[in-house]
C-alpha atoms as a PDB file:
ATOM      1  CA  MET A   1     -30.383 -82.391  -2.090  1.00  0.00           C
ATOM      2  CA  ASP A   2     -27.573 -83.147   0.386  1.00  0.00           C
ATOM      3  CA  TRP A   3     -24.078 -82.726  -0.624  1.00  0.00           C
ATOM      4  CA  VAL A   4     -23.696 -86.330  -2.094  1.00  0.00           C
ATOM      5  CA  SER A   5     -26.653 -86.542  -3.942  1.00  0.00           C
ATOM      6  CA  GLY A   6     -25.474 -83.225  -5.476  1.00  0.00           C
ATOM      7  CA  VAL A   7     -21.421 -84.578  -6.233  1.00  0.00           C
ATOM      8  CA  VAL A   8     -23.379 -87.538  -8.026  1.00  0.00           C
ATOM      9  CA  VAL A   9     -26.269 -85.309 -10.014  1.00  0.00           C
ATOM     10  CA  TYR A  10     -22.985 -83.198 -10.966  1.00  0.00           C
ATOM     11  CA  ILE A  11     -20.556 -85.975 -11.779  1.00  0.00           C
ATOM     12  CA  LEU A  12     -23.885 -87.314 -14.000  1.00  0.00           C
ATOM     13  CA  LEU A  13     -24.188 -84.070 -16.150  1.00  0.00           C
ATOM     14  CA  TRP A  14     -20.408 -83.589 -16.466  1.00  0.00           C
ATOM     15  CA  TRP A  15     -19.916 -86.612 -18.641  1.00  0.00           C
ATOM     16  CA  TRP A  16     -23.143 -86.019 -20.167  1.00  0.00           C
ATOM     17  CA  VAL A  17     -22.125 -83.166 -21.668  1.00  0.00           C
ATOM     18  CA  PHE A  18     -18.715 -83.828 -22.001  1.00  0.00           C
ATOM     19  CA  PHE A  19     -19.803 -87.129 -24.307  1.00  0.00           C
ATOM     20  CA  MET A  20     -21.971 -84.158 -26.179  1.00  0.00           C
ATOM     21  CA  THR A  21     -19.052 -81.732 -27.106  1.00  0.00           C
ATOM     22  CA  LEU A  22     -16.167 -84.243 -27.997  1.00  0.00           C
ATOM     23  CA  PRO A  23     -17.707 -83.856 -31.814  1.00  0.00           C
ATOM     24  CA  PHE A  24     -17.542 -80.193 -31.964  1.00  0.00           C
ATOM     25  CA  GLY A  25     -14.524 -78.722 -34.025  1.00  0.00           C
ATOM     26  CA  VAL A  26     -12.806 -82.206 -34.561  1.00  0.00           C
ATOM     27  CA  LYS A  27     -11.198 -82.824 -37.867  1.00  0.00           C
ATOM     28  CA  PRO A  28      -9.443 -85.932 -38.697  1.00  0.00           C
ATOM     29  CA  VAL A  29      -6.133 -85.768 -39.751  1.00  0.00           C
ATOM     30  CA  GLU A  30      -4.925 -85.407 -43.583  1.00  0.00           C
ATOM     31  CA  THR A  31      -2.378 -88.351 -43.645  1.00  0.00           C
ATOM     32  CA  PRO A  32      -2.775 -90.485 -41.295  1.00  0.00           C
ATOM     33  CA  GLY A  33       0.375 -92.211 -40.228  1.00  0.00           C
ATOM     34  CA  GLU A  34       0.883 -96.223 -40.280  1.00  0.00           C
ATOM     35  CA  GLY A  35      -1.073 -97.783 -38.108  1.00  0.00           C
ATOM     36  CA  HIS A  36      -3.186 -94.987 -36.967  1.00  0.00           C
ATOM     37  CA  ALA A  37      -7.393 -94.689 -37.629  1.00  0.00           C
ATOM     38  CA  ALA A  38      -7.801 -92.205 -40.444  1.00  0.00           C
ATOM     39  CA  SER A  39     -10.864 -90.775 -38.171  1.00  0.00           C
ATOM     40  CA  ALA A  40      -8.889 -89.924 -35.455  1.00  0.00           C
ATOM     41  CA  PRO A  41      -8.864 -86.162 -34.870  1.00  0.00           C
ATOM     42  CA  ALA A  42      -5.899 -83.916 -35.420  1.00  0.00           C
ATOM     43  CA  ARG A  43      -6.363 -81.786 -32.231  1.00  0.00           C
ATOM     44  CA  PRO A  44      -9.107 -82.729 -29.861  1.00  0.00           C
ATOM     45  CA  MET A  45      -8.614 -79.753 -27.471  1.00  0.00           C
ATOM     46  CA  LEU A  46      -9.903 -81.978 -24.955  1.00  0.00           C
ATOM     47  CA  LEU A  47      -8.925 -79.469 -22.194  1.00  0.00           C
ATOM     48  CA  ARG A  48     -10.610 -77.099 -23.758  1.00  0.00           C
ATOM     49  CA  LYS A  49     -13.798 -78.915 -24.152  1.00  0.00           C
ATOM     50  CA  ALA A  50     -13.402 -79.974 -20.470  1.00  0.00           C
ATOM     51  CA  MET A  51     -13.176 -76.759 -19.183  1.00  0.00           C
ATOM     52  CA  ILE A  52     -16.564 -75.511 -21.301  1.00  0.00           C
ATOM     53  CA  THR A  53     -17.897 -78.957 -19.817  1.00  0.00           C
ATOM     54  CA  SER A  54     -17.506 -78.018 -16.311  1.00  0.00           C
ATOM     55  CA  VAL A  55     -19.044 -74.399 -16.709  1.00  0.00           C
ATOM     56  CA  ILE A  56     -21.737 -75.870 -18.769  1.00  0.00           C
ATOM     57  CA  ALA A  57     -22.668 -78.509 -15.844  1.00  0.00           C
ATOM     58  CA  VAL A  58     -22.616 -75.929 -12.651  1.00  0.00           C
ATOM     59  CA  VAL A  59     -25.399 -73.572 -14.662  1.00  0.00           C
ATOM     60  CA  LEU A  60     -27.213 -77.236 -15.343  1.00  0.00           C
ATOM     61  CA  TRP A  61     -26.441 -78.278 -11.886  1.00  0.00           C
ATOM     62  CA  PHE A  62     -27.838 -75.331  -9.992  1.00  0.00           C
ATOM     63  CA  GLY A  63     -31.061 -75.908 -12.591  1.00  0.00           C
ATOM     64  CA  VAL A  64     -31.481 -79.215 -11.303  1.00  0.00           C
ATOM     65  CA  ASP A  65     -31.044 -78.222  -7.670  1.00  0.00           C
ATOM     66  CA  TRP A  66     -33.413 -75.334  -7.921  1.00  0.00           C
ATOM     67  CA  MET A  67     -35.494 -77.930  -9.540  1.00  0.00           C
ATOM     68  CA  ILE A  68     -35.655 -80.498  -6.693  1.00  0.00           C
ATOM     69  CA  ASP A  69     -35.878 -78.173  -3.430  1.00  0.00           C
ATOM     70  CA  SER A  70     -38.543 -75.753  -4.853  1.00  0.00           C
ATOM     71  CA  GLY A  71     -40.234 -78.920  -5.489  1.00  0.00           C
ATOM     72  CA  VAL A  72     -41.475 -78.109  -9.039  1.00  0.00           C
ATOM     73  CA  PHE A  73     -40.620 -81.697  -9.895  1.00  0.00           C
ATOM     74  CA  SER A  74     -41.555 -83.960  -7.124  1.00  0.00           C
ATOM     75  CA  PHE A  75     -41.364 -87.606  -6.911  1.00  0.00           C
ATOM     76  CA  ARG A  76     -43.176 -87.455  -3.573  1.00  0.00           C
ATOM     77  CA  GLU A  77     -46.095 -85.938  -4.911  1.00  0.00           C
ATOM     78  CA  MET A  78     -46.306 -87.998  -8.248  1.00  0.00           C
ATOM     79  CA  VAL A  79     -46.202 -91.056  -5.434  1.00  0.00           C
ATOM     80  CA  ALA A  80     -48.965 -89.318  -2.955  1.00  0.00           C
ATOM     81  CA  LYS A  81     -51.436 -88.618  -6.244  1.00  0.00           C
ATOM     82  CA  GLU A  82     -51.053 -92.365  -7.543  1.00  0.00           C
ATOM     83  CA  LYS A  83     -52.524 -93.353  -4.214  1.00  0.00           C
END
């Protein structure tokens, strides 16, 4: 995988993992102020979630890179078998 594809894959993985980690550990505010949503999190812990997401995305990226470079999963072979 070239570096541009690698960056794109990492960014996609990062956002997918980040959206999956957002609901973990979130508790709503007990008494929301005037004009605030009752479902807004008291402590969203976004920095911690972003750091955890970065580590998980790196691990997943290495897995995807290995699968693509090793030929375990190849679109070219799939197309060649169909012909």
